[in-house]
Structure formats: C-alpha cells, structure tokens
Amino acid sequence: MQLTSIIRRAAQVNPTGIATIQGDRQQTWAQFVDRVSRLAGALRGLGVGPGDRVALLSLNSDRYLEYYYAVVWAGGAMMPMNVRWAPPESAYALNDAGARILMVDDAFAPAVPAITAEAKGVETLIFCGDGDTPDGMLNYETLVAEAAPAPDANRSGDDLAGVFYTGGTTGFPKGVMLSHTNLFVGGISNCDALYLKEGAIYLHVAPMFHIADLIFFTAVSFVAGTHVVVPRFTPEDTLAAIEAHKVTHVLLVPVMLQMVLQSPQLADCNADSLQYIGYGASPITEAVLAQAFKAFPKTQFLQAYGQTELAPVATILDTRYHTFDGPHAGKLRSAGQATRICEVRIVGADGTEVPRGEVGEITVSGPVTMLGYWNKPDITAKTKKDGWVYTGDAGYMDDEGFVFLVDRLKDMIVSGGENVYSTEVENALARHPAVATSAVIGIPSDQWGEAVHAIVILNDGMTASEEELKAHCHDLIAGYKCPRSISFRTDPMPLSGANKVLKTELRKPFWDGHDRAIN
C-alpha cells in the first residue's frame, strides 16, 4: 500500500479534472502530480532520505496537499505541525523528531526566529506562502520550478509515512508514527464511510494539520475528486465556498457547525450541492443536530469517533441513525459502530472483553493502528498491546455493536475538537510563583463540548488574579490549552490512598445532572 500510487491513478483516470482549488488558483490532476514529483526532487536535492522528517507549519493551502504527497514521494515522512502551538511547543516537536527541514507560510514566518532559537537541528527553511520570501529561506515555488521530476522512492506498507504530534500525559506532545498502510487504509475507510464517489468536491475548512481533515487528502484522491481549500475557518468563508464551488462533502468539528448555524449568511446561502456533513472530535448536542437538520434539509450527517493513533477513525454513526423518529431512533447518543476495516472491543482491567452493556476501556485493532510513538517505547507498550490500541476512553457496547462513550480514563480534555492533557496546563500554572498547586479538569461547555477549568491553590501570603494566571499560561502553551475559567481553593485537594488528586471528586459538581462525564 503506497500513498503516491493514489495520485498517480487519479492523474491517469482524470488527468484534466480539477484536483485543487484555492481562491483563484486551481490545477488539474496531471498538473498536481507533476508538481508533486518536482517538489520531491527538490526535497531529495536538499538531502531528504528514507524516513527523514519534513515539518510544515502552515494554514490550509493547496501546497499542503502537494507537501503531503511530495514528502513521501521523496522517501521522507511528513510532520504537520499544530498551528495553535506556542513557539516552545513547536520547538519541542522539531527537536524530538529530529526534523532538519521546516516549511512555513506567511502566517508563521514571523514565529520562525523564536522557534529556531530552541530548535537547533533545523537546517533548511522553506517559505511556502504568497508574500515576499524572508531572508534566509528558500522559496517553495522556485524549488518546484527549478527541480526535475524525481522518480518515486517507492516507500510503502509499514514504512513510516508521517509523525503526527498529539498531546502528552507528561506535559509534552507525543509523535504518533503512522505508516503508508495506516494512511492508505484510513483513506479508504473515510471514502467508504462518507460515501465519496467520482465527482466528489470536498471542502477543506477544518485545520489540515489535524488528521481528521488530513485523512481526506487520501480519501478524496482515491476517487480523483476535487479538493477545495479555505485557508482558515470562518462561517462566512465556509458558506461562500460551498455555494461557489458546489461542494458535496465537508467535515466540521461540532463547534464549527454551531458557528455556521449561527451565521447571518446561512439564510442566503445556496447549499443544495452539499450531500454529506461529517462531524467528529467530540459528540454534538441533539439540539444542535436538530437545528442542523432543519438548516440543511438536503444534506445527510455522519459522526466519526477515533484518534490520531487510529489514522484516525474507529467507529461511524451512519446517516440512517441521524434521526429522532422511527426504528433507527435512539442511537444519536452513541459514537456508532466499528468501521469496515477495524474491530472494536470493550475490555476490563485484565484486558478481556466485558459483556455487552458493561463499561470498560474501548480498544481497537486493524490496519489503521499506529506503528507507535516516536522515541517513546514505554508509552507505546502501554498503549498498543497485541495489536490493540487502548484508547483511554471508557464506554460500553450495546447488542447491535453501537459504542457509547461514558468517561475518559486518560487525564485528558477534548475542547473544540483538540486534545488537552491536564498535566500540560498544570505544568504551565506551576511556573507562576504564586501557584502552590493546581488541578485542571474539563467541565461542560455548550460551545466547546468541554472547557478547560483550573482549580488553584496559591502559596501562603501570595496573590494572583484569574486574568493574570490566564495570561501567564498563554505565554507558555497554545491558547486552546489555557484555562477558560479558574477557581481558587484554600482547602487541600481531595487525595486518593496513593496521594493522587481525585479529579473525579473535583469534577462531580460540574457534571452533576449529566448522563456521562465527558462531552
């Protein structure tokens, strides 16, 4: 299974079909593959060899798609970077992966000095934006224009295709290693689950660094469809692109869908072309779904559940279960059933499967399970056992194989579709001189699904305001990880027999009245 074979086939069966559209810029599949092979030639000329990591820090772009395929064509491994990270987080990932090449666009070129001050291993900077090329950087378009097409390195199967950084329980991101097979099969799965067919026009409006959108690089290409790109999400740009380009498919994180539904432009938008809206990263309220059904009466909805370690989808709640009436009603609270390419089990503490209806940990096996975590064999061994990925999510399965999420075993919060590990936030708070200790938890949020909340105990005789601590965190970690609210406590934190903070007790007042302890 080879990622580059997907686009060669697309150019073969649909050479004059439109592959990518961004603003006024578009190209055919034949042109796309030519540019990918030339960029691969340029990367190889810069020393990229088998498995070498090539990082990209950029907003959504048609060049992001070229990068995805060119890096593996050259024999390397892609490393898309979270655009919401603070410079220290970006530098950590670059150092951890040993990336020597970093591509940046206009939005992130100004951050390069702060990043490279700590990421000493970065040797080559490539500017992939549309403005003037900053001093000390190579120009992306010049590299493509001047390079000869390179022969495909023919990496495939279990060869490393990419390293995708996600939150870490130790306070640092973990690099999830995905193979050609992982991404190839993950693309096939999404192609099947979202009913992608020849002529599909997919809108990339979710962030491309996030594997939930990035897996559609392969899925849409499988059917030689069209990739429409919006650089960053706004409800207005999303609706305008759907109407202008007759978009058929889109993936929206629930908070994005909510913002689209609240947009004044929705009433005037012709979205009749839109066949399917996929949503995921966090479940959605039934009230928002009911509003979405009404706003998009000709569109069908699907929910996906998974994680980066699963490239990325484990279960799908199909369109026929998005209903409040009839024989399929009652499944909207579930995360759906296992996709056609993986197996899902609910297991107890001893790793054996529990009876239907009993809560345990959700585990997944199949050709989409990661190779492991980069440079973290111990954490890999705890997460992937005998071919099964232990998700860290607690749930149960009903008699029809529908998975229902109940709680989160990992100390993690999912806010607006992004994973936030509480340790990362607690480590940032601990660097403030007034903070004695803190506990970070997720609390219900109508807008974000879960919001990051910090419970703080200050040092004796010292003071700090909520706004001061929020600003302090913003200097150290990405904005989405920072507490949206802070409460102060004078009593000691509740502790277990092992002297660990009982976050379940701290969360109870916030989740009282909810039928599950996560959103």
Protein backbone atom coordinates (compact mmCIF):
# COMPACT_ATOMS: atom_id res chain seq x y z
CA MET A 1 0.00 0.00 0.00
CA GLN A 2 1.67 3.15 -1.28
CA LEU A 3 0.31 6.67 -0.82
CA THR A 4 1.79 8.03 -4.03
CA SER A 5 0.02 5.38 -6.10
CA ILE A 6 -3.27 7.09 -5.22
CA ILE A 7 -2.46 10.33 -7.04
CA ARG A 8 -0.80 8.59 -9.98
CA ARG A 9 -4.03 6.71 -10.54
CA ALA A 10 -6.06 9.93 -10.15
CA ALA A 11 -3.96 11.60 -12.86
CA GLN A 12 -4.37 8.52 -15.06
CA VAL A 13 -8.17 8.30 -14.87
CA ASN A 14 -8.95 12.01 -14.57
CA PRO A 15 -5.97 13.95 -15.98
CA THR A 16 -7.90 17.11 -16.91
CA GLY A 17 -10.18 17.02 -13.87
CA ILE A 18 -9.63 19.70 -11.24
CA ALA A 19 -7.54 18.41 -8.35
CA THR A 20 -7.24 21.51 -6.16
CA ILE A 21 -8.89 24.91 -5.87
CA GLN A 22 -7.75 27.71 -3.59
CA GLY A 23 -9.13 31.14 -4.34
CA ASP A 24 -8.31 31.95 -7.95
CA ARG A 25 -5.68 29.19 -8.13
CA GLN A 26 -6.55 25.74 -9.43
CA GLN A 27 -4.80 22.83 -11.11
CA THR A 28 -5.65 19.58 -12.85
CA TRP A 29 -4.68 16.16 -11.60
CA ALA A 30 -1.95 15.91 -14.26
CA GLN A 31 -0.52 19.26 -13.14
CA PHE A 32 -0.77 18.28 -9.48
CA VAL A 33 1.23 15.08 -9.90
CA ASP A 34 3.87 16.90 -11.95
CA ARG A 35 4.32 19.50 -9.19
CA VAL A 36 4.46 16.79 -6.51
CA SER A 37 7.24 14.94 -8.36
CA ARG A 38 9.20 18.18 -8.80
CA LEU A 39 8.85 19.16 -5.15
CA ALA A 40 10.00 15.65 -4.26
CA GLY A 41 13.04 16.21 -6.48
CA ALA A 42 13.80 19.47 -4.69
CA LEU A 43 13.47 17.80 -1.27
CA ARG A 44 15.75 14.97 -2.31
CA GLY A 45 18.26 17.56 -3.50
CA LEU A 46 18.12 19.07 0.00
CA GLY A 47 19.14 15.73 1.46
CA VAL A 48 15.81 14.10 2.34
CA GLY A 49 16.32 10.37 2.61
CA PRO A 50 14.28 7.36 3.75
CA GLY A 51 12.13 8.24 6.76
CA ASP A 52 13.56 11.77 7.23
CA ARG A 53 11.03 14.10 8.84
CA VAL A 54 9.99 17.23 6.93
CA ALA A 55 7.89 19.62 9.02
CA LEU A 56 5.23 22.06 7.85
CA LEU A 57 3.74 24.92 9.87
CA SER A 58 1.04 26.50 7.74
CA LEU A 59 -2.59 27.41 7.40
CA ASN A 60 -4.66 25.34 4.99
CA SER A 61 -3.33 25.54 1.44
CA ASP A 62 -3.25 23.68 -1.86
CA ARG A 63 0.50 23.47 -1.22
CA TYR A 64 -0.28 21.49 1.93
CA LEU A 65 -1.66 18.74 -0.31
CA GLU A 66 1.45 18.87 -2.53
CA TYR A 67 3.67 18.65 0.56
CA TYR A 68 1.78 15.60 1.86
CA TYR A 69 2.48 13.56 -1.25
CA ALA A 70 5.86 15.05 -2.18
CA VAL A 71 7.49 14.20 1.13
CA VAL A 72 6.62 10.50 0.85
CA TRP A 73 7.44 10.56 -2.91
CA ALA A 74 10.91 11.74 -1.90
CA GLY A 75 11.09 8.90 0.64
CA GLY A 76 10.63 11.02 3.75
CA ALA A 77 8.00 11.30 6.45
CA MET A 78 5.65 14.27 6.76
CA MET A 79 5.31 16.14 10.04
CA PRO A 80 2.36 18.55 10.02
CA MET A 81 2.55 20.96 12.96
CA ASN A 82 -0.26 22.30 15.10
CA VAL A 83 -0.84 25.93 14.12
CA ARG A 84 -2.12 26.71 17.60
CA TRP A 85 1.07 25.78 19.42
CA ALA A 86 3.23 28.35 21.15
CA PRO A 87 6.85 28.52 19.85
CA PRO A 88 8.26 26.39 22.71
CA GLU A 89 5.84 23.59 21.80
CA SER A 90 6.78 23.77 18.12
CA ALA A 91 10.47 23.72 19.01
CA TYR A 92 10.00 20.70 21.26
CA ALA A 93 8.34 18.69 18.46
CA LEU A 94 11.02 19.65 15.92
CA ASN A 95 13.79 18.65 18.32
CA ASP A 96 12.03 15.45 19.36
CA ALA A 97 11.52 14.32 15.75
CA GLY A 98 14.92 15.49 14.57
CA ALA A 99 13.39 17.45 11.68
CA ARG A 100 16.02 19.26 9.61
CA ILE A 101 13.63 20.96 7.16
CA LEU A 102 10.80 23.28 8.15
CA MET A 103 8.30 24.84 5.74
CA VAL A 104 6.31 27.89 6.83
CA ASP A 105 3.76 30.19 5.21
CA ASP A 106 3.08 33.93 5.60
CA ALA A 107 1.17 33.42 8.85
CA PHE A 108 4.03 31.67 10.66
CA ALA A 109 7.18 33.09 9.12
CA PRO A 110 7.33 35.75 11.89
CA ALA A 111 7.44 32.99 14.53
CA VAL A 112 10.46 31.24 12.98
CA PRO A 113 13.17 33.11 14.95
CA ALA A 114 11.52 32.17 18.27
CA ILE A 115 11.14 28.55 17.15
CA THR A 116 14.60 28.05 15.69
CA ALA A 117 16.23 29.69 18.70
CA GLU A 118 15.31 26.48 20.53
CA ALA A 119 15.08 24.04 17.59
CA LYS A 120 18.78 23.95 16.75
CA GLY A 121 18.51 20.97 14.40
CA VAL A 122 16.53 22.81 11.74
CA GLU A 123 18.96 23.43 8.87
CA THR A 124 16.70 24.46 5.99
CA LEU A 125 13.72 26.82 5.96
CA ILE A 126 11.32 26.86 3.01
CA PHE A 127 8.80 29.65 2.58
CA CYS A 128 5.54 28.30 1.10
CA GLY A 129 3.47 31.46 1.38
CA ASP A 130 2.40 34.01 -1.23
CA GLY A 131 4.26 37.07 0.05
CA ASP A 132 7.91 38.04 -0.18
CA THR A 133 10.35 35.32 0.86
CA PRO A 134 12.02 36.22 4.17
CA ASP A 135 15.81 36.37 4.34
CA GLY A 136 17.41 33.00 4.99
CA MET A 137 14.58 30.99 3.49
CA LEU A 138 14.22 29.15 0.20
CA ASN A 139 11.18 29.87 -1.96
CA TYR A 140 8.74 26.99 -2.45
CA GLU A 141 7.67 27.96 -5.98
CA THR A 142 11.27 28.46 -7.09
CA LEU A 143 12.18 24.99 -5.82
CA VAL A 144 9.26 23.44 -7.73
CA ALA A 145 10.03 25.38 -10.93
CA GLU A 146 13.74 24.57 -10.97
CA ALA A 147 13.68 20.92 -9.88
CA ALA A 148 13.44 17.99 -12.24
CA PRO A 149 10.71 15.42 -11.55
CA ALA A 150 12.07 12.77 -9.22
CA PRO A 151 11.44 9.04 -9.51
CA ASP A 152 9.22 7.76 -6.73
CA ALA A 153 11.14 6.38 -3.76
CA ASN A 154 8.51 3.60 -3.66
CA ARG A 155 8.11 3.57 0.09
CA SER A 156 5.02 1.59 1.11
CA GLY A 157 3.44 -0.78 3.60
CA ASP A 158 4.85 -0.42 7.11
CA ASP A 159 7.37 2.25 6.03
CA LEU A 160 6.99 5.42 8.08
CA ALA A 161 4.82 7.98 6.25
CA GLY A 162 4.36 10.62 8.93
CA VAL A 163 4.82 11.69 12.53
CA PHE A 164 1.75 13.43 13.95
CA TYR A 165 2.12 15.14 17.30
CA THR A 166 -0.68 14.96 19.82
CA GLY A 167 -0.97 15.92 23.48
CA GLY A 168 1.21 14.13 26.00
CA THR A 169 0.47 12.92 29.52
CA THR A 170 3.94 14.06 30.60
CA GLY A 171 3.28 17.63 29.52
CA PHE A 172 4.96 17.26 26.13
CA PRO A 173 3.44 16.22 22.79
CA LYS A 174 3.82 12.62 21.60
CA GLY A 175 4.69 11.85 17.99
CA VAL A 176 2.28 9.25 16.60
CA MET A 177 4.03 7.25 13.87
CA LEU A 178 1.73 6.29 11.01
CA SER A 179 2.70 4.11 8.07
CA HIS A 180 1.75 4.13 4.40
CA THR A 181 -0.68 1.31 5.17
CA ASN A 182 -2.24 3.23 8.06
CA LEU A 183 -2.96 6.31 5.93
CA PHE A 184 -3.87 4.32 2.82
CA VAL A 185 -6.44 2.18 4.63
CA GLY A 186 -7.62 5.15 6.72
CA GLY A 187 -8.34 6.99 3.47
CA ILE A 188 -10.25 4.02 2.05
CA SER A 189 -12.28 3.81 5.26
CA ASN A 190 -13.23 7.50 5.13
CA CYS A 191 -14.01 7.20 1.43
CA ASP A 192 -16.43 4.43 2.26
CA ALA A 193 -17.89 5.98 5.41
CA LEU A 194 -18.57 9.40 3.84
CA TYR A 195 -19.91 7.98 0.58
CA LEU A 196 -17.25 9.65 -1.56
CA LYS A 197 -17.66 8.86 -5.26
CA GLU A 198 -16.24 10.09 -8.57
CA GLY A 199 -17.06 13.76 -8.97
CA ALA A 200 -16.93 14.46 -5.22
CA ILE A 201 -15.95 18.00 -4.26
CA TYR A 202 -14.60 18.15 -0.71
CA LEU A 203 -14.10 21.36 1.28
CA HIS A 204 -11.00 21.52 3.49
CA VAL A 205 -12.07 24.00 6.12
CA ALA A 206 -11.09 22.08 9.25
CA PRO A 207 -7.37 22.59 10.01
CA MET A 208 -5.21 20.46 7.72
CA PHE A 209 -2.62 19.66 10.38
CA HIS A 210 -5.34 17.74 12.21
CA ILE A 211 -5.57 14.16 10.97
CA ALA A 212 -9.38 14.34 10.94
CA ASP A 213 -9.13 16.57 7.87
CA LEU A 214 -5.75 15.38 6.62
CA ILE A 215 -7.02 11.82 6.04
CA PHE A 216 -9.26 13.29 3.31
CA PHE A 217 -6.06 14.06 1.36
CA THR A 218 -6.14 10.36 0.52
CA ALA A 219 -9.89 9.73 0.65
CA VAL A 220 -10.81 12.40 -1.93
CA SER A 221 -7.83 11.50 -4.10
CA PHE A 222 -8.97 7.86 -4.21
CA VAL A 223 -11.97 9.00 -6.29
CA ALA A 224 -9.95 11.60 -8.24
CA GLY A 225 -12.24 14.24 -6.75
CA THR A 226 -11.64 17.93 -6.15
CA HIS A 227 -10.02 19.44 -3.06
CA VAL A 228 -11.36 22.92 -2.31
CA VAL A 229 -9.24 24.76 0.25
CA VAL A 230 -10.16 27.60 2.62
CA PRO A 231 -7.05 28.88 4.46
CA ARG A 232 -8.75 29.21 7.83
CA PHE A 233 -12.25 28.60 9.10
CA THR A 234 -14.86 31.31 9.25
CA PRO A 235 -18.57 30.58 8.89
CA GLU A 236 -18.83 33.12 6.08
CA ASP A 237 -15.92 31.71 4.03
CA THR A 238 -17.23 28.18 4.55
CA LEU A 239 -20.69 29.03 3.26
CA ALA A 240 -19.28 31.07 0.37
CA ALA A 241 -17.04 28.17 -0.73
CA ILE A 242 -19.88 25.65 -0.53
CA GLU A 243 -22.02 27.79 -2.82
CA ALA A 244 -19.29 28.95 -5.23
CA HIS A 245 -17.72 25.52 -5.83
CA LYS A 246 -20.81 23.30 -5.45
CA VAL A 247 -19.17 21.43 -2.59
CA THR A 248 -20.58 17.94 -1.97
CA HIS A 249 -18.78 16.91 1.24
CA VAL A 250 -17.35 18.70 4.27
CA LEU A 251 -16.04 17.80 7.71
CA LEU A 252 -16.93 20.16 10.55
CA VAL A 253 -15.92 19.93 14.19
CA PRO A 254 -19.15 20.42 16.21
CA VAL A 255 -18.19 23.92 17.35
CA MET A 256 -17.61 24.89 13.69
CA LEU A 257 -21.02 23.55 12.71
CA GLN A 258 -22.55 25.52 15.56
CA MET A 259 -20.90 28.72 14.30
CA VAL A 260 -22.15 28.07 10.74
CA LEU A 261 -25.68 27.63 12.07
CA GLN A 262 -25.40 30.99 13.88
CA SER A 263 -24.07 32.86 10.82
CA PRO A 264 -26.35 35.55 9.30
CA GLN A 265 -25.09 34.40 5.86
CA LEU A 266 -26.71 30.98 6.23
CA ALA A 267 -30.16 32.20 5.20
CA ASP A 268 -28.85 33.48 1.84
CA CYS A 269 -26.54 30.56 1.05
CA ASN A 270 -27.48 28.03 -1.62
CA ALA A 271 -26.13 24.79 -0.17
CA ASP A 272 -28.17 22.41 -2.31
CA SER A 273 -24.99 20.73 -3.61
CA LEU A 274 -23.97 19.63 -0.12
CA GLN A 275 -24.67 15.91 0.19
CA TYR A 276 -22.86 14.98 3.42
CA ILE A 277 -21.62 16.73 6.54
CA GLY A 278 -19.26 14.67 8.65
CA TYR A 279 -18.58 15.73 12.23
CA GLY A 280 -16.34 14.39 14.91
CA ALA A 281 -13.64 15.10 17.51
CA SER A 282 -16.43 15.47 20.08
CA PRO A 283 -20.08 14.47 20.20
CA ILE A 284 -22.71 17.06 19.44
CA THR A 285 -25.86 18.02 21.32
CA GLU A 286 -29.17 16.82 19.95
CA ALA A 287 -30.43 20.43 19.95
CA VAL A 288 -27.64 21.50 17.59
CA LEU A 289 -28.27 18.46 15.37
CA ALA A 290 -31.97 19.26 15.17
CA GLN A 291 -31.08 22.80 14.10
CA ALA A 292 -28.61 21.46 11.52
CA PHE A 293 -31.17 19.04 10.05
CA LYS A 294 -33.52 21.97 9.54
CA ALA A 295 -30.85 24.31 8.12
CA PHE A 296 -29.54 21.68 5.64
CA PRO A 297 -32.64 19.67 4.68
CA LYS A 298 -30.99 18.11 1.61
CA THR A 299 -27.84 17.07 3.47
CA GLN A 300 -27.12 13.86 5.38
CA PHE A 301 -25.00 13.69 8.53
CA LEU A 302 -22.39 11.25 9.84
CA GLN A 303 -20.40 11.15 13.06
CA ALA A 304 -16.88 9.72 13.38
CA TYR A 305 -15.09 8.66 16.57
CA GLY A 306 -11.40 7.87 16.77
CA GLN A 307 -7.96 9.31 17.49
CA THR A 308 -4.67 10.02 15.74
CA GLU A 309 -3.36 6.62 16.82
CA LEU A 310 -6.07 5.02 14.63
CA ALA A 311 -5.46 7.00 11.43
CA PRO A 312 -7.99 8.21 12.70
CA VAL A 313 -11.49 6.64 12.65
CA ALA A 314 -12.68 3.65 14.71
CA THR A 315 -16.46 3.98 14.59
CA ILE A 316 -19.04 5.69 12.39
CA LEU A 317 -22.59 6.70 13.21
CA ASP A 318 -24.16 6.33 9.79
CA THR A 319 -26.68 8.69 8.20
CA ARG A 320 -29.65 6.43 8.86
CA TYR A 321 -29.17 6.76 12.61
CA HIS A 322 -29.31 10.56 12.49
CA THR A 323 -33.00 10.64 13.25
CA PHE A 324 -35.27 11.29 16.20
CA ASP A 325 -38.05 9.01 14.95
CA GLY A 326 -38.62 5.54 13.55
CA PRO A 327 -36.82 2.22 14.05
CA HIS A 328 -33.33 3.78 13.99
CA ALA A 329 -34.04 6.39 16.66
CA GLY A 330 -32.17 6.27 19.95
CA LYS A 331 -28.66 5.90 18.57
CA LEU A 332 -27.74 9.59 18.39
CA ARG A 333 -26.10 9.43 21.80
CA SER A 334 -23.74 6.72 20.54
CA ALA A 335 -20.46 7.03 18.64
CA GLY A 336 -21.66 4.49 16.08
CA GLN A 337 -20.39 1.07 15.04
CA ALA A 338 -16.92 -0.18 14.06
CA THR A 339 -15.84 0.84 10.57
CA ARG A 340 -15.46 -1.87 7.94
CA ILE A 341 -11.68 -2.02 8.36
CA CYS A 342 -11.26 -2.37 12.13
CA GLU A 343 -12.52 -4.27 15.15
CA VAL A 344 -13.64 -2.69 18.42
CA ARG A 345 -13.74 -4.37 21.83
CA ILE A 346 -14.65 -3.13 25.30
CA VAL A 347 -12.26 -4.66 27.82
CA GLY A 348 -11.86 -4.78 31.57
CA ALA A 349 -8.76 -4.11 33.64
CA ASP A 350 -7.39 -7.58 32.79
CA GLY A 351 -7.69 -6.94 29.03
CA THR A 352 -10.51 -9.41 28.44
CA GLU A 353 -13.73 -8.39 26.70
CA VAL A 354 -16.61 -7.46 29.02
CA PRO A 355 -20.28 -8.38 28.43
CA ARG A 356 -22.48 -6.10 26.29
CA GLY A 357 -23.71 -3.13 28.28
CA GLU A 358 -20.84 -3.26 30.78
CA VAL A 359 -18.45 -0.30 30.93
CA GLY A 360 -14.78 -0.86 30.13
CA GLU A 361 -11.97 0.61 28.03
CA ILE A 362 -12.51 0.98 24.28
CA THR A 363 -9.80 -0.86 22.31
CA VAL A 364 -9.32 -1.04 18.54
CA SER A 365 -7.36 -3.30 16.19
CA GLY A 366 -6.86 -3.37 12.44
CA PRO A 367 -4.58 -2.00 9.70
CA VAL A 368 -5.09 1.58 10.91
CA THR A 369 -3.40 1.11 14.30
CA MET A 370 -0.25 3.20 14.66
CA LEU A 371 3.31 1.92 14.48
CA GLY A 372 3.91 3.52 17.88
CA TYR A 373 5.04 6.76 19.50
CA TRP A 374 8.25 8.34 18.26
CA ASN A 375 11.12 7.71 20.71
CA LYS A 376 8.67 6.53 23.40
CA PRO A 377 8.77 2.71 23.52
CA ASP A 378 7.48 2.52 27.11
CA ILE A 379 4.36 4.58 26.37
CA THR A 380 3.88 2.64 23.13
CA ALA A 381 3.92 -0.64 25.04
CA LYS A 382 1.23 0.63 27.42
CA THR A 383 -0.99 1.90 24.60
CA LYS A 384 -0.60 -0.80 21.94
CA LYS A 385 -0.84 -4.36 23.22
CA ASP A 386 -1.00 -7.44 21.00
CA GLY A 387 -2.09 -5.30 18.06
CA TRP A 388 -4.83 -3.49 20.01
CA VAL A 389 -4.73 0.25 20.71
CA TYR A 390 -6.09 1.12 24.15
CA THR A 391 -7.87 4.43 23.58
CA GLY A 392 -8.10 5.61 27.17
CA ASP A 393 -11.84 6.14 26.71
CA ALA A 394 -14.37 4.32 28.85
CA GLY A 395 -17.58 3.14 27.24
CA TYR A 396 -19.91 0.25 26.60
CA MET A 397 -21.28 -1.54 23.56
CA ASP A 398 -24.92 -2.46 23.05
CA ASP A 399 -26.25 -5.66 21.47
CA GLU A 400 -26.06 -4.12 17.97
CA GLY A 401 -22.41 -3.11 18.29
CA PHE A 402 -23.02 0.60 18.93
CA VAL A 403 -20.36 2.16 21.15
CA PHE A 404 -21.43 4.63 23.84
CA LEU A 405 -18.81 6.85 25.47
CA VAL A 406 -19.12 7.22 29.24
CA ASP A 407 -15.92 8.74 30.61
CA ARG A 408 -12.26 9.27 29.88
CA LEU A 409 -9.64 7.12 31.53
CA LYS A 410 -6.81 9.33 30.37
CA ASP A 411 -6.36 12.63 32.15
CA MET A 412 -7.45 14.48 29.04
CA ILE A 413 -9.95 17.14 28.00
CA VAL A 414 -11.37 17.50 24.50
CA SER A 415 -12.16 21.16 23.85
CA GLY A 416 -13.35 22.27 20.43
CA GLY A 417 -12.01 19.04 18.92
CA GLU A 418 -8.49 19.48 20.34
CA ASN A 419 -6.94 17.18 22.94
CA VAL A 420 -5.72 18.95 26.08
CA TYR A 421 -3.81 16.92 28.67
CA SER A 422 -4.29 18.46 32.09
CA THR A 423 -0.65 17.89 33.00
CA GLU A 424 0.43 20.32 30.28
CA VAL A 425 -1.74 23.05 31.78
CA GLU A 426 -0.77 22.23 35.36
CA ASN A 427 2.92 22.41 34.43
CA ALA A 428 2.36 25.87 32.94
CA LEU A 429 0.49 27.08 36.02
CA ALA A 430 3.23 25.69 38.29
CA ARG A 431 5.72 28.10 36.73
CA HIS A 432 3.86 31.06 38.23
CA PRO A 433 5.46 31.97 41.58
CA ALA A 434 2.11 32.40 43.34
CA VAL A 435 0.78 28.94 42.48
CA ALA A 436 1.30 26.25 45.09
CA THR A 437 -0.64 23.55 43.28
CA SER A 438 -3.40 23.15 40.73
CA ALA A 439 -5.77 20.59 39.26
CA VAL A 440 -7.06 21.01 35.73
CA ILE A 441 -10.31 19.38 34.66
CA GLY A 442 -12.79 19.51 31.81
CA ILE A 443 -16.20 20.99 32.54
CA PRO A 444 -19.31 21.06 30.30
CA SER A 445 -19.46 23.77 27.64
CA ASP A 446 -22.26 24.35 25.15
CA GLN A 447 -19.78 25.96 22.74
CA TRP A 448 -16.66 23.79 23.06
CA GLY A 449 -18.07 20.49 24.31
CA GLU A 450 -15.66 20.71 27.22
CA ALA A 451 -13.89 23.75 28.60
CA VAL A 452 -10.55 23.77 30.41
CA HIS A 453 -11.04 24.73 34.06
CA ALA A 454 -8.27 25.12 36.63
CA ILE A 455 -8.65 24.77 40.38
CA VAL A 456 -5.74 26.61 42.01
CA ILE A 457 -4.28 26.81 45.49
CA LEU A 458 -1.98 29.81 45.98
CA ASN A 459 1.13 29.98 48.13
CA ASP A 460 0.63 31.48 51.56
CA GLY A 461 0.81 35.25 51.51
CA MET A 462 0.78 35.50 47.71
CA THR A 463 -1.94 36.66 45.33
CA ALA A 464 -2.74 36.20 41.65
CA SER A 465 -5.86 37.01 39.71
CA GLU A 466 -7.67 34.76 37.26
CA GLU A 467 -6.70 37.02 34.35
CA GLU A 468 -3.07 37.10 35.46
CA LEU A 469 -2.84 33.31 35.50
CA LYS A 470 -4.57 33.02 32.12
CA ALA A 471 -2.09 35.48 30.59
CA HIS A 472 0.80 33.57 32.18
CA CYS A 473 -0.37 30.33 30.56
CA HIS A 474 -0.76 31.98 27.15
CA ASP A 475 2.96 32.76 27.16
CA LEU A 476 3.85 29.09 27.59
CA ILE A 477 1.26 26.92 25.85
CA ALA A 478 -1.22 27.11 22.99
CA GLY A 479 -4.29 29.24 23.58
CA TYR A 480 -6.74 26.36 23.30
CA LYS A 481 -4.98 24.62 26.20
CA CYS A 482 -5.19 27.62 28.53
CA PRO A 483 -7.86 27.68 31.25
CA ARG A 484 -11.09 29.36 30.18
CA SER A 485 -12.02 29.65 33.84
CA ILE A 486 -10.16 29.41 37.16
CA SER A 487 -11.45 28.89 40.67
CA PHE A 488 -9.36 29.33 43.80
CA ARG A 489 -9.34 26.92 46.70
CA THR A 490 -7.95 27.14 50.21
CA ASP A 491 -8.74 23.61 51.37
CA PRO A 492 -6.34 20.82 50.33
CA MET A 493 -7.17 18.88 47.19
CA PRO A 494 -9.01 15.57 47.77
CA LEU A 495 -6.49 12.74 47.61
CA SER A 496 -6.63 9.02 46.98
CA GLY A 497 -4.93 6.41 49.14
CA ALA A 498 -1.93 6.74 46.82
CA ASN A 499 -1.91 10.51 47.44
CA LYS A 500 -3.11 11.33 43.94
CA VAL A 501 -5.57 14.16 43.40
CA LEU A 502 -9.08 12.77 42.99
CA LYS A 503 -10.16 14.70 39.93
CA THR A 504 -13.34 12.65 39.78
CA GLU A 505 -14.38 14.39 43.01
CA LEU A 506 -13.42 17.82 41.68
CA ARG A 507 -15.43 17.23 38.51
CA LYS A 508 -18.62 15.98 40.19
CA PRO A 509 -20.22 19.38 40.92
CA PHE A 510 -19.78 20.45 37.29
CA TRP A 511 -21.12 17.23 35.74
CA ASP A 512 -23.99 16.68 38.16
CA GLY A 513 -27.17 16.01 36.17
CA HIS A 514 -25.34 14.81 33.06
CA ASP A 515 -25.73 11.18 31.94
CA ARG A 516 -22.00 10.88 31.24
CA ALA A 517 -18.84 12.53 32.49
CA ILE A 518 -17.48 13.74 29.14
CA ASN A 519 -18.86 15.66 26.17
